[in-house]
PDB file of N, CA and C in Angstrom:
ATOM      1  N   MET A   1       0.943  -1.156  -0.086  1.00  0.00           N
ATOM      2  CA  MET A   1       0.093   0.057   0.114  1.00  0.00           C
ATOM      3  C   MET A   1       1.168   1.082  -0.117  1.00  0.00           C
ATOM      4  N   GLY A   2       0.742   2.034  -0.953  1.00  0.00           N
ATOM      5  CA  GLY A   2       1.527   3.350  -0.829  1.00  0.00           C
ATOM      6  C   GLY A   2       0.829   4.588  -0.208  1.00  0.00           C
ATOM      7  N   SER A   3       1.782   5.546   0.124  1.00  0.00           N
ATOM      8  CA  SER A   3       0.772   6.816   0.906  1.00  0.00           C
ATOM      9  C   SER A   3       1.857   8.098   0.472  1.00  0.00           C
ATOM     10  N   GLU A   4       1.364   9.142   0.211  1.00  0.00           N
ATOM     11  CA  GLU A   4       1.966  10.393  -0.022  1.00  0.00           C
ATOM     12  C   GLU A   4       2.958  10.785   1.078  1.00  0.00           C
ATOM     13  N   MET A   5       3.786  11.518   0.990  1.00  0.00           N
ATOM     14  CA  MET A   5       4.588  12.148   1.964  1.00  0.00           C
ATOM     15  C   MET A   5       4.974  13.380   1.189  1.00  0.00           C
ATOM     16  N   CYS A   6       5.055  14.484   1.727  1.00  0.00           N
ATOM     17  CA  CYS A   6       5.534  15.704   1.438  1.00  0.00           C
ATOM     18  C   CYS A   6       6.143  16.560   2.085  1.00  0.00           C
ATOM     19  N   ILE A   7       7.438  16.986   1.812  1.00  0.00           N
ATOM     20  CA  ILE A   7       7.976  17.852   2.432  1.00  0.00           C
ATOM     21  C   ILE A   7       7.502  19.326   1.983  1.00  0.00           C
ATOM     22  N   ARG A   8       6.343  19.855   2.625  1.00  0.00           N
ATOM     23  CA  ARG A   8       5.599  20.652   2.227  1.00  0.00           C
ATOM     24  C   ARG A   8       6.284  22.178   1.542  1.00  0.00           C
ATOM     25  N   ASP A   9       7.165  22.688   2.389  1.00  0.00           N
ATOM     26  CA  ASP A   9       7.861  24.098   2.149  1.00  0.00           C
ATOM     27  C   ASP A   9       9.363  23.967   1.894  1.00  0.00           C
ATOM     28  N   ARG A  10       9.586  24.554   1.220  1.00  0.00           N
ATOM     29  CA  ARG A  10      11.262  24.893   1.032  1.00  0.00           C
ATOM     30  C   ARG A  10      11.359  26.290   0.627  1.00  0.00           C
ATOM     31  N   SER A  11      12.708  26.573   1.279  1.00  0.00           N
ATOM     32  CA  SER A  11      13.124  28.096   1.003  1.00  0.00           C
ATOM     33  C   SER A  11      14.007  28.016   0.354  1.00  0.00           C
ATOM     34  N   THR A  12      14.339  28.913  -0.410  1.00  0.00           N
ATOM     35  CA  THR A  12      15.632  29.096  -1.462  1.00  0.00           C
ATOM     36  C   THR A  12      16.574  30.298  -0.754  1.00  0.00           C
ATOM     37  N   ASN A  13      16.123  30.673   0.156  1.00  0.00           N
ATOM     38  CA  ASN A  13      17.069  31.835   0.831  1.00  0.00           C
ATOM     39  C   ASN A  13      16.716  31.458   2.625  1.00  0.00           C
ATOM     40  N   SER A  14      18.148  31.766   3.099  1.00  0.00           N
ATOM     41  CA  SER A  14      18.100  31.406   4.864  1.00  0.00           C
ATOM     42  C   SER A  14      17.486  32.640   5.396  1.00  0.00           C
ATOM     43  N   GLN A  15      17.227  34.009   5.060  1.00  0.00           N
ATOM     44  CA  GLN A  15      16.356  34.785   5.633  1.00  0.00           C
ATOM     45  C   GLN A  15      14.998  34.518   5.486  1.00  0.00           C
ATOM     46  N   LEU A  16      14.545  33.905   4.362  1.00  0.00           N
ATOM     47  CA  LEU A  16      13.134  33.560   4.586  1.00  0.00           C
ATOM     48  C   LEU A  16      12.790  32.641   5.374  1.00  0.00           C
ATOM     49  N   ALA A  17      13.484  31.281   5.280  1.00  0.00           N
ATOM     50  CA  ALA A  17      13.416  30.434   6.324  1.00  0.00           C
ATOM     51  C   ALA A  17      13.317  30.866   7.585  1.00  0.00           C
ATOM     52  N   GLU A  18      14.046  31.563   7.853  1.00  0.00           N
ATOM     53  CA  GLU A  18      14.191  32.305   9.661  1.00  0.00           C
ATOM     54  C   GLU A  18      13.059  32.993   9.882  1.00  0.00           C
ATOM     55  N   ASN A  19      12.564  33.553   8.692  1.00  0.00           N
ATOM     56  CA  ASN A  19      11.326  34.581   9.162  1.00  0.00           C
ATOM     57  C   ASN A  19      10.259  33.641   9.051  1.00  0.00           C
ATOM     58  N   LYS A  20      10.227  32.556   8.606  1.00  0.00           N
ATOM     59  CA  LYS A  20       8.793  31.739   8.336  1.00  0.00           C
ATOM     60  C   LYS A  20       9.233  30.447   8.943  1.00  0.00           C
ATOM     61  N   LYS A  21       9.676  30.317  10.137  1.00  0.00           N
ATOM     62  CA  LYS A  21       9.952  29.286  10.593  1.00  0.00           C
ATOM     63  C   LYS A  21       9.027  28.268  10.824  1.00  0.00           C
ATOM     64  N   GLY A  22       7.907  28.541  10.715  1.00  0.00           N
ATOM     65  CA  GLY A  22       6.342  27.730  11.096  1.00  0.00           C
ATOM     66  C   GLY A  22       5.942  27.246  10.012  1.00  0.00           C
ATOM     67  N   TRP A  23       6.434  27.728   8.870  1.00  0.00           N
ATOM     68  CA  TRP A  23       6.057  27.331   7.550  1.00  0.00           C
ATOM     69  C   TRP A  23       6.817  26.537   6.701  1.00  0.00           C
ATOM     70  N   ILE A  24       8.461  26.605   6.891  1.00  0.00           N
ATOM     71  CA  ILE A  24       9.450  26.385   5.899  1.00  0.00           C
ATOM     72  C   ILE A  24      10.119  25.213   6.829  1.00  0.00           C
ATOM     73  N   ASP A  25      10.074  23.972   5.635  1.00  0.00           N
ATOM     74  CA  ASP A  25      10.411  22.635   6.302  1.00  0.00           C
ATOM     75  C   ASP A  25      11.975  22.308   6.057  1.00  0.00           C
ATOM     76  N   PHE A  26      12.536  23.079   5.033  1.00  0.00           N
ATOM     77  CA  PHE A  26      13.747  22.703   4.535  1.00  0.00           C
ATOM     78  C   PHE A  26      14.184  24.088   3.836  1.00  0.00           C
ATOM     79  N   ASP A  27      15.338  24.327   4.179  1.00  0.00           N
ATOM     80  CA  ASP A  27      16.080  25.763   3.901  1.00  0.00           C
ATOM     81  C   ASP A  27      17.319  25.345   3.075  1.00  0.00           C
ATOM     82  N   ALA A  28      17.183  25.606   1.855  1.00  0.00           N
ATOM     83  CA  ALA A  28      18.164  25.288   0.506  1.00  0.00           C
ATOM     84  C   ALA A  28      19.187  26.744   0.547  1.00  0.00           C
ATOM     85  N   GLY A  29      18.907  27.543   1.401  1.00  0.00           N
ATOM     86  CA  GLY A  29      19.777  29.094   1.078  1.00  0.00           C
ATOM     87  C   GLY A  29      21.078  28.555   1.528  1.00  0.00           C
ATOM     88  N   PRO A  30      21.692  27.858   2.384  1.00  0.00           N
ATOM     89  CA  PRO A  30      23.031  27.719   2.566  1.00  0.00           C
ATOM     90  C   PRO A  30      23.686  27.276   1.413  1.00  0.00           C
ATOM     91  N   ILE A  31      23.352  26.737   0.439  1.00  0.00           N
ATOM     92  CA  ILE A  31      23.988  26.292  -0.780  1.00  0.00           C
ATOM     93  C   ILE A  31      24.676  27.772  -1.539  1.00  0.00           C
ATOM     94  N   VAL A  32      23.741  28.862  -1.633  1.00  0.00           N
ATOM     95  CA  VAL A  32      24.013  30.179  -1.695  1.00  0.00           C
ATOM     96  C   VAL A  32      25.391  30.701  -0.952  1.00  0.00           C
ATOM     97  N   GLU A  33      25.295  30.287   0.398  1.00  0.00           N
ATOM     98  CA  GLU A  33      26.158  30.607   1.058  1.00  0.00           C
ATOM     99  C   GLU A  33      27.643  30.037   1.069  1.00  0.00           C
ATOM    100  N   GLY A  34      27.668  28.897   0.356  1.00  0.00           N
ATOM    101  CA  GLY A  34      28.665  27.805   0.102  1.00  0.00           C
ATOM    102  C   GLY A  34      28.695  26.396   0.545  1.00  0.00           C
ATOM    103  N   GLU A  35      27.484  26.025   1.260  1.00  0.00           N
ATOM    104  CA  GLU A  35      27.265  24.617   1.242  1.00  0.00           C
ATOM    105  C   GLU A  35      27.355  24.139  -0.161  1.00  0.00           C
ATOM    106  N   SER A  36      27.921  22.617  -0.093  1.00  0.00           N
ATOM    107  CA  SER A  36      27.716  22.056  -1.451  1.00  0.00           C
ATOM    108  C   SER A  36      26.517  21.481  -1.593  1.00  0.00           C
ATOM    109  N   ILE A  37      26.139  21.077  -2.927  1.00  0.00           N
ATOM    110  CA  ILE A  37      24.909  20.477  -3.307  1.00  0.00           C
ATOM    111  C   ILE A  37      24.659  18.988  -2.549  1.00  0.00           C
ATOM    112  N   ASP A  38      25.739  18.681  -2.799  1.00  0.00           N
ATOM    113  CA  ASP A  38      25.718  16.987  -2.407  1.00  0.00           C
ATOM    114  C   ASP A  38      25.214  17.195  -0.764  1.00  0.00           C
ATOM    115  N   ASP A  39      26.207  18.193   0.122  1.00  0.00           N
ATOM    116  CA  ASP A  39      25.720  18.349   1.316  1.00  0.00           C
ATOM    117  C   ASP A  39      24.252  18.717   1.787  1.00  0.00           C
ATOM    118  N   ALA A  40      23.428  19.722   0.879  1.00  0.00           N
ATOM    119  CA  ALA A  40      22.375  19.885   1.005  1.00  0.00           C
ATOM    120  C   ALA A  40      21.363  18.612   0.681  1.00  0.00           C
ATOM    121  N   ALA A  41      21.914  17.951  -0.203  1.00  0.00           N
ATOM    122  CA  ALA A  41      20.950  16.850  -0.592  1.00  0.00           C
ATOM    123  C   ALA A  41      21.004  15.809   0.484  1.00  0.00           C
ATOM    124  N   LYS A  42      22.017  15.829   1.013  1.00  0.00           N
ATOM    125  CA  LYS A  42      22.104  14.788   2.252  1.00  0.00           C
ATOM    126  C   LYS A  42      21.065  15.192   3.443  1.00  0.00           C
ATOM    127  N   ARG A  43      21.351  16.482   3.615  1.00  0.00           N
ATOM    128  CA  ARG A  43      20.379  17.199   4.551  1.00  0.00           C
ATOM    129  C   ARG A  43      18.892  16.732   4.216  1.00  0.00           C
ATOM    130  N   LEU A  44      18.450  17.109   3.008  1.00  0.00           N
ATOM    131  CA  LEU A  44      17.194  17.098   2.584  1.00  0.00           C
ATOM    132  C   LEU A  44      16.754  15.426   2.653  1.00  0.00           C
ATOM    133  N   LEU A  45      17.485  14.491   2.141  1.00  0.00           N
ATOM    134  CA  LEU A  45      17.447  13.200   2.230  1.00  0.00           C
ATOM    135  C   LEU A  45      17.149  12.697   3.731  1.00  0.00           C
ATOM    136  N   GLN A  46      17.854  13.027   4.559  1.00  0.00           N
ATOM    137  CA  GLN A  46      17.806  12.905   6.067  1.00  0.00           C
ATOM    138  C   GLN A  46      16.308  13.392   6.560  1.00  0.00           C
ATOM    139  N   LEU A  47      15.968  14.681   5.899  1.00  0.00           N
ATOM    140  CA  LEU A  47      14.585  15.132   6.481  1.00  0.00           C
ATOM    141  C   LEU A  47      13.431  14.146   5.619  1.00  0.00           C
ATOM    142  N   VAL A  48      13.497  13.809   4.808  1.00  0.00           N
ATOM    143  CA  VAL A  48      12.520  13.087   3.894  1.00  0.00           C
ATOM    144  C   VAL A  48      12.560  11.594   4.654  1.00  0.00           C
ATOM    145  N   ILE A  49      13.544  11.169   5.121  1.00  0.00           N
ATOM    146  CA  ILE A  49      13.628   9.786   5.993  1.00  0.00           C
ATOM    147  C   ILE A  49      12.839  10.133   7.594  1.00  0.00           C
ATOM    148  N   GLU A  50      13.176  11.258   7.932  1.00  0.00           N
ATOM    149  CA  GLU A  50      12.364  11.562   9.150  1.00  0.00           C
ATOM    150  C   GLU A  50      10.837  11.654   9.322  1.00  0.00           C
ATOM    151  N   VAL A  51      10.287  12.507   7.847  1.00  0.00           N
ATOM    152  CA  VAL A  51       9.197  12.439   7.662  1.00  0.00           C
ATOM    153  C   VAL A  51       8.576  11.445   7.191  1.00  0.00           C
ATOM    154  N   ALA A  52       9.189  10.416   6.731  1.00  0.00           N
ATOM    155  CA  ALA A  52       8.619   8.737   6.437  1.00  0.00           C
ATOM    156  C   ALA A  52       8.577   8.204   7.716  1.00  0.00           C
ATOM    157  N   ASN A  53       9.430   8.587   8.656  1.00  0.00           N
ATOM    158  CA  ASN A  53       9.349   7.764   9.887  1.00  0.00           C
ATOM    159  C   ASN A  53       8.401   8.611  10.918  1.00  0.00           C
ATOM    160  N   GLY A  54       7.433   9.388  10.566  1.00  0.00           N
ATOM    161  CA  GLY A  54       6.479  10.022  11.465  1.00  0.00           C
ATOM    162  C   GLY A  54       6.788  11.562  12.018  1.00  0.00           C
ATOM    163  N   LYS A  55       8.120  11.947  11.556  1.00  0.00           N
ATOM    164  CA  LYS A  55       7.930  13.480  12.108  1.00  0.00           C
ATOM    165  C   LYS A  55       7.306  14.250  11.101  1.00  0.00           C
ATOM    166  N   GLU A  56       6.474  15.460  11.949  1.00  0.00           N
ATOM    167  CA  GLU A  56       5.486  15.976  11.008  1.00  0.00           C
ATOM    168  C   GLU A  56       6.096  17.107  10.241  1.00  0.00           C
ATOM    169  N   THR A  57       5.739  17.534   9.340  1.00  0.00           N
ATOM    170  CA  THR A  57       6.138  18.716   8.562  1.00  0.00           C
ATOM    171  C   THR A  57       5.395  20.020   9.484  1.00  0.00           C
ATOM    172  N   GLN A  58       5.968  21.222   8.892  1.00  0.00           N
ATOM    173  CA  GLN A  58       5.461  22.305   9.795  1.00  0.00           C
ATOM    174  C   GLN A  58       4.051  22.505   9.363  1.00  0.00           C
ATOM    175  N   THR A  59       3.414  22.296   8.267  1.00  0.00           N
ATOM    176  CA  THR A  59       2.184  22.511   7.855  1.00  0.00           C
ATOM    177  C   THR A  59       1.259  21.509   8.576  1.00  0.00           C
ATOM    178  N   GLU A  60       1.622  20.057   8.668  1.00  0.00           N
ATOM    179  CA  GLU A  60       1.071  19.194   9.719  1.00  0.00           C
ATOM    180  C   GLU A  60       0.786  19.774  11.071  1.00  0.00           C
ATOM    181  N   LYS A  61       2.040  20.422  11.349  1.00  0.00           N
ATOM    182  CA  LYS A  61       1.997  20.683  13.008  1.00  0.00           C
ATOM    183  C   LYS A  61       0.946  21.835  13.393  1.00  0.00           C
ATOM    184  N   ARG A  62       0.404  22.508  12.211  1.00  0.00           N
ATOM    185  CA  ARG A  62      -0.490  23.370  12.161  1.00  0.00           C
ATOM    186  C   ARG A  62      -2.049  23.016  12.145  1.00  0.00           C
ATOM    187  N   GLY A  63      -1.910  21.402  11.820  1.00  0.00           N
ATOM    188  CA  GLY A  63      -3.399  20.731  11.559  1.00  0.00           C
ATOM    189  C   GLY A  63      -3.605  20.712  10.314  1.00  0.00           C
ATOM    190  N   TYR A  64      -2.888  21.166   9.039  1.00  0.00           N
ATOM    191  CA  TYR A  64      -3.266  20.872   7.918  1.00  0.00           C
ATOM    192  C   TYR A  64      -2.729  19.658   7.340  1.00  0.00           C
ATOM    193  N   ARG A  65      -3.781  18.906   6.750  1.00  0.00           N
ATOM    194  CA  ARG A  65      -3.391  17.692   6.288  1.00  0.00           C
ATOM    195  C   ARG A  65      -3.477  17.375   4.672  1.00  0.00           C
ATOM    196  N   SER A  66      -4.173  18.434   3.847  1.00  0.00           N
ATOM    197  CA  SER A  66      -4.442  18.283   2.737  1.00  0.00           C
ATOM    198  C   SER A  66      -3.083  18.595   1.685  1.00  0.00           C
ATOM    199  N   ILE A  67      -2.838  17.991   0.410  1.00  0.00           N
ATOM    200  CA  ILE A  67      -2.072  18.656  -0.610  1.00  0.00           C
ATOM    201  C   ILE A  67      -2.518  18.843  -1.969  1.00  0.00           C
ATOM    202  N   SER A  68      -2.019  19.691  -2.355  1.00  0.00           N
ATOM    203  CA  SER A  68      -2.503  19.866  -4.029  1.00  0.00           C
ATOM    204  C   SER A  68      -1.487  19.553  -4.906  1.00  0.00           C
ATOM    205  N   ILE A  69      -1.109  18.373  -5.361  1.00  0.00           N
ATOM    206  CA  ILE A  69       0.055  17.889  -6.226  1.00  0.00           C
ATOM    207  C   ILE A  69      -0.283  18.660  -7.440  1.00  0.00           C
ATOM    208  N   PHE A  70      -1.212  18.795  -8.298  1.00  0.00           N
ATOM    209  CA  PHE A  70      -1.397  19.166  -9.675  1.00  0.00           C
ATOM    210  C   PHE A  70      -1.591  20.450  -9.911  1.00  0.00           C
ATOM    211  N   LYS A  71      -1.975  21.373  -8.746  1.00  0.00           N
ATOM    212  CA  LYS A  71      -2.720  22.721  -8.950  1.00  0.00           C
ATOM    213  C   LYS A  71      -1.538  23.576  -9.378  1.00  0.00           C
ATOM    214  N   ASP A  72      -1.833  24.399  -9.993  1.00  0.00           N
ATOM    215  CA  ASP A  72      -0.930  25.677 -10.433  1.00  0.00           C
ATOM    216  C   ASP A  72      -1.408  27.080  -9.553  1.00  0.00           C
ATOM    217  N   GLY A  73      -0.658  27.696  -9.315  1.00  0.00           N
ATOM    218  CA  GLY A  73      -0.851  29.027  -8.529  1.00  0.00           C
ATOM    219  C   GLY A  73      -1.187  28.828  -7.054  1.00  0.00           C
ATOM    220  N   VAL A  74      -1.827  29.993  -6.463  1.00  0.00           N
ATOM    221  CA  VAL A  74      -2.175  29.981  -4.860  1.00  0.00           C
ATOM    222  C   VAL A  74      -3.111  28.836  -4.746  1.00  0.00           C
ATOM    223  N   VAL A  75      -2.943  28.398  -3.501  1.00  0.00           N
ATOM    224  CA  VAL A  75      -3.534  27.319  -3.094  1.00  0.00           C
ATOM    225  C   VAL A  75      -4.016  27.814  -1.589  1.00  0.00           C
ATOM    226  N   LEU A  76      -5.625  27.806  -1.624  1.00  0.00           N
ATOM    227  CA  LEU A  76      -5.888  28.611  -0.043  1.00  0.00           C
ATOM    228  C   LEU A  76      -6.342  27.311   0.908  1.00  0.00           C
TER     229      LEU A  76
END
C-alpha cells in the first residue's frame, strides 16, 4: 500500500526560512552561502527519512493535512 509524503515548504534563502520558521520545512539557502549541493541533498534526504518515519512537517504541526499536487498558482 502506498502513501504520499510531502516536505511541504522549501526555502531558497535562509532569511525567508528564518522569518517563516513555522512554514518552512527545508532551507536550501546555505547552498548560496557555500554549502555543497551534495551536503544539501544529504540534509534533504535525512529530512525525507525523518518525515517518512513520522516526523510532522511544519504544515502538519498546524493541523493541515491536504495537499494539491497538480494545482498551479495559489492554494488556499
